[in-house]
Amino acid sequence: MAKRLTKALRGKRRWIGLIVPNCNSRGELEKILGDFAPSDEWKLVVFEGEKAIMKVPISDLDDWRTILDRSDSEMHSVTTSGKIRLVKERMGLI
């Protein structure tokens, strides 16, 4: 039987809360994010109206912040945390 991966050995991640105006579907948002993603290791977890939450590896967090905080983009990050519950609360999704 394979050993179970402990919490300490799992990859560290961060949850990013986004405001995404003018996105009509989850697929459309995933395509937009995929076009400028710094790596393939990200996942769109929640998409409700103009709010979204994505999971990224902690090693890519600075790259994502740089990309999402550009002044010419309508999409921007609102909050970041190591716990999805906190991001959901801060964005009013709970």
C-alpha atoms as a PDB file:
ATOM      1  CA  MET A   1       0.000   0.000   0.000  1.00  0.00           C
ATOM      2  CA  ALA A   2       1.342   3.421  -0.944  1.00  0.00           C
ATOM      3  CA  LYS A   3       2.165   5.910   1.771  1.00  0.00           C
ATOM      4  CA  ARG A   4      -0.330   8.665   2.260  1.00  0.00           C
ATOM      5  CA  LEU A   5       0.818  12.167   1.347  1.00  0.00           C
ATOM      6  CA  THR A   6       0.852  14.235   4.526  1.00  0.00           C
ATOM      7  CA  LYS A   7      -0.241  17.840   4.711  1.00  0.00           C
ATOM      8  CA  ALA A   8       3.343  19.045   5.141  1.00  0.00           C
ATOM      9  CA  LEU A   9       4.446  17.315   1.920  1.00  0.00           C
ATOM     10  CA  ARG A  10       1.642  18.627  -0.287  1.00  0.00           C
ATOM     11  CA  GLY A  11       2.354  21.614  -2.486  1.00  0.00           C
ATOM     12  CA  LYS A  12       1.588  24.982  -0.943  1.00  0.00           C
ATOM     13  CA  ARG A  13      -1.145  26.990  -2.648  1.00  0.00           C
ATOM     14  CA  ARG A  14      -2.861  30.340  -2.479  1.00  0.00           C
ATOM     15  CA  TRP A  15      -6.426  31.307  -3.360  1.00  0.00           C
ATOM     16  CA  ILE A  16      -6.930  34.510  -5.337  1.00  0.00           C
ATOM     17  CA  GLY A  17     -10.273  36.324  -5.391  1.00  0.00           C
ATOM     18  CA  LEU A  18     -10.957  38.105  -8.681  1.00  0.00           C
ATOM     19  CA  ILE A  19     -13.392  40.646 -10.071  1.00  0.00           C
ATOM     20  CA  VAL A  20     -14.042  39.692 -13.700  1.00  0.00           C
ATOM     21  CA  PRO A  21     -16.439  42.057 -15.491  1.00  0.00           C
ATOM     22  CA  ASN A  22     -17.577  41.200 -19.020  1.00  0.00           C
ATOM     23  CA  CYS A  23     -17.064  37.415 -18.677  1.00  0.00           C
ATOM     24  CA  ASN A  24     -20.211  35.521 -19.611  1.00  0.00           C
ATOM     25  CA  SER A  25     -19.123  31.966 -18.905  1.00  0.00           C
ATOM     26  CA  ARG A  26     -16.663  29.873 -16.955  1.00  0.00           C
ATOM     27  CA  GLY A  27     -15.088  28.609 -20.182  1.00  0.00           C
ATOM     28  CA  GLU A  28     -14.510  32.135 -21.447  1.00  0.00           C
ATOM     29  CA  LEU A  29     -12.778  33.121 -18.200  1.00  0.00           C
ATOM     30  CA  GLU A  30     -10.624  29.973 -18.215  1.00  0.00           C
ATOM     31  CA  LYS A  31      -9.492  30.786 -21.758  1.00  0.00           C
ATOM     32  CA  ILE A  32      -8.616  34.375 -20.826  1.00  0.00           C
ATOM     33  CA  LEU A  33      -6.663  33.258 -17.752  1.00  0.00           C
ATOM     34  CA  GLY A  34      -4.946  30.496 -19.708  1.00  0.00           C
ATOM     35  CA  ASP A  35      -3.719  32.947 -22.346  1.00  0.00           C
ATOM     36  CA  PHE A  36      -1.569  34.885 -19.877  1.00  0.00           C
ATOM     37  CA  ALA A  37      -0.950  32.297 -17.128  1.00  0.00           C
ATOM     38  CA  PRO A  38       2.700  32.135 -16.004  1.00  0.00           C
ATOM     39  CA  SER A  39       2.416  28.325 -15.707  1.00  0.00           C
ATOM     40  CA  ASP A  40      -0.064  25.516 -16.298  1.00  0.00           C
ATOM     41  CA  GLU A  41      -0.531  24.930 -12.574  1.00  0.00           C
ATOM     42  CA  TRP A  42      -3.696  26.877 -11.781  1.00  0.00           C
ATOM     43  CA  LYS A  43      -7.371  26.083 -11.435  1.00  0.00           C
ATOM     44  CA  LEU A  44     -10.537  28.164 -11.576  1.00  0.00           C
ATOM     45  CA  VAL A  45     -12.530  26.966  -8.581  1.00  0.00           C
ATOM     46  CA  VAL A  46     -15.465  29.373  -8.280  1.00  0.00           C
ATOM     47  CA  PHE A  47     -17.174  31.528 -10.916  1.00  0.00           C
ATOM     48  CA  GLU A  48     -20.312  33.417  -9.875  1.00  0.00           C
ATOM     49  CA  GLY A  49     -21.423  36.516 -11.753  1.00  0.00           C
ATOM     50  CA  GLU A  50     -18.504  38.926 -11.780  1.00  0.00           C
ATOM     51  CA  LYS A  51     -16.592  37.140  -9.005  1.00  0.00           C
ATOM     52  CA  ALA A  52     -14.172  34.261  -9.303  1.00  0.00           C
ATOM     53  CA  ILE A  53     -11.695  32.364  -7.146  1.00  0.00           C
ATOM     54  CA  MET A  54      -8.667  30.563  -8.494  1.00  0.00           C
ATOM     55  CA  LYS A  55      -6.071  28.291  -6.911  1.00  0.00           C
ATOM     56  CA  VAL A  56      -2.388  28.850  -7.763  1.00  0.00           C
ATOM     57  CA  PRO A  57       0.881  27.407  -6.425  1.00  0.00           C
ATOM     58  CA  ILE A  58       2.543  29.700  -3.912  1.00  0.00           C
ATOM     59  CA  SER A  59       5.654  29.809  -6.126  1.00  0.00           C
ATOM     60  CA  ASP A  60       3.613  31.488  -8.903  1.00  0.00           C
ATOM     61  CA  LEU A  61       1.773  33.972  -6.668  1.00  0.00           C
ATOM     62  CA  ASP A  62       4.017  36.970  -7.392  1.00  0.00           C
ATOM     63  CA  ASP A  63       3.733  36.396 -11.154  1.00  0.00           C
ATOM     64  CA  TRP A  64      -0.073  36.197 -10.903  1.00  0.00           C
ATOM     65  CA  ARG A  65      -0.220  39.383  -8.828  1.00  0.00           C
ATOM     66  CA  THR A  66       1.846  41.239 -11.418  1.00  0.00           C
ATOM     67  CA  ILE A  67      -0.404  40.029 -14.235  1.00  0.00           C
ATOM     68  CA  LEU A  68      -3.695  40.736 -12.434  1.00  0.00           C
ATOM     69  CA  ASP A  69      -2.746  44.160 -11.084  1.00  0.00           C
ATOM     70  CA  ARG A  70      -2.069  45.769 -14.469  1.00  0.00           C
ATOM     71  CA  SER A  71      -3.884  49.070 -14.836  1.00  0.00           C
ATOM     72  CA  ASP A  72      -5.001  48.350 -18.421  1.00  0.00           C
ATOM     73  CA  SER A  73      -6.950  45.230 -17.447  1.00  0.00           C
ATOM     74  CA  GLU A  74     -10.566  45.208 -16.279  1.00  0.00           C
ATOM     75  CA  MET A  75      -9.930  41.967 -14.387  1.00  0.00           C
ATOM     76  CA  HIS A  76      -8.147  42.426 -11.049  1.00  0.00           C
ATOM     77  CA  SER A  77      -7.454  40.602  -7.816  1.00  0.00           C
ATOM     78  CA  VAL A  78      -9.320  41.634  -4.693  1.00  0.00           C
ATOM     79  CA  THR A  79      -7.909  39.327  -2.042  1.00  0.00           C
ATOM     80  CA  THR A  80      -5.455  36.486  -1.522  1.00  0.00           C
ATOM     81  CA  SER A  81      -5.246  33.895   1.227  1.00  0.00           C
ATOM     82  CA  GLY A  82      -4.032  30.416   2.052  1.00  0.00           C
ATOM     83  CA  LYS A  83      -7.610  29.474   2.973  1.00  0.00           C
ATOM     84  CA  ILE A  84     -10.449  29.436   0.467  1.00  0.00           C
ATOM     85  CA  ARG A  85     -12.994  30.074   3.214  1.00  0.00           C
ATOM     86  CA  LEU A  86     -11.423  33.468   3.951  1.00  0.00           C
ATOM     87  CA  VAL A  87     -11.444  34.456   0.275  1.00  0.00           C
ATOM     88  CA  LYS A  88     -15.110  33.453  -0.042  1.00  0.00           C
ATOM     89  CA  GLU A  89     -16.009  35.499   3.051  1.00  0.00           C
ATOM     90  CA  ARG A  90     -14.099  38.570   1.867  1.00  0.00           C
ATOM     91  CA  MET A  91     -15.803  38.438  -1.529  1.00  0.00           C
ATOM     92  CA  GLY A  92     -19.284  37.859  -0.107  1.00  0.00           C
ATOM     93  CA  LEU A  93     -19.679  34.386  -1.613  1.00  0.00           C
ATOM     94  CA  ILE A  94     -20.650  32.709   1.676  1.00  0.00           C
END
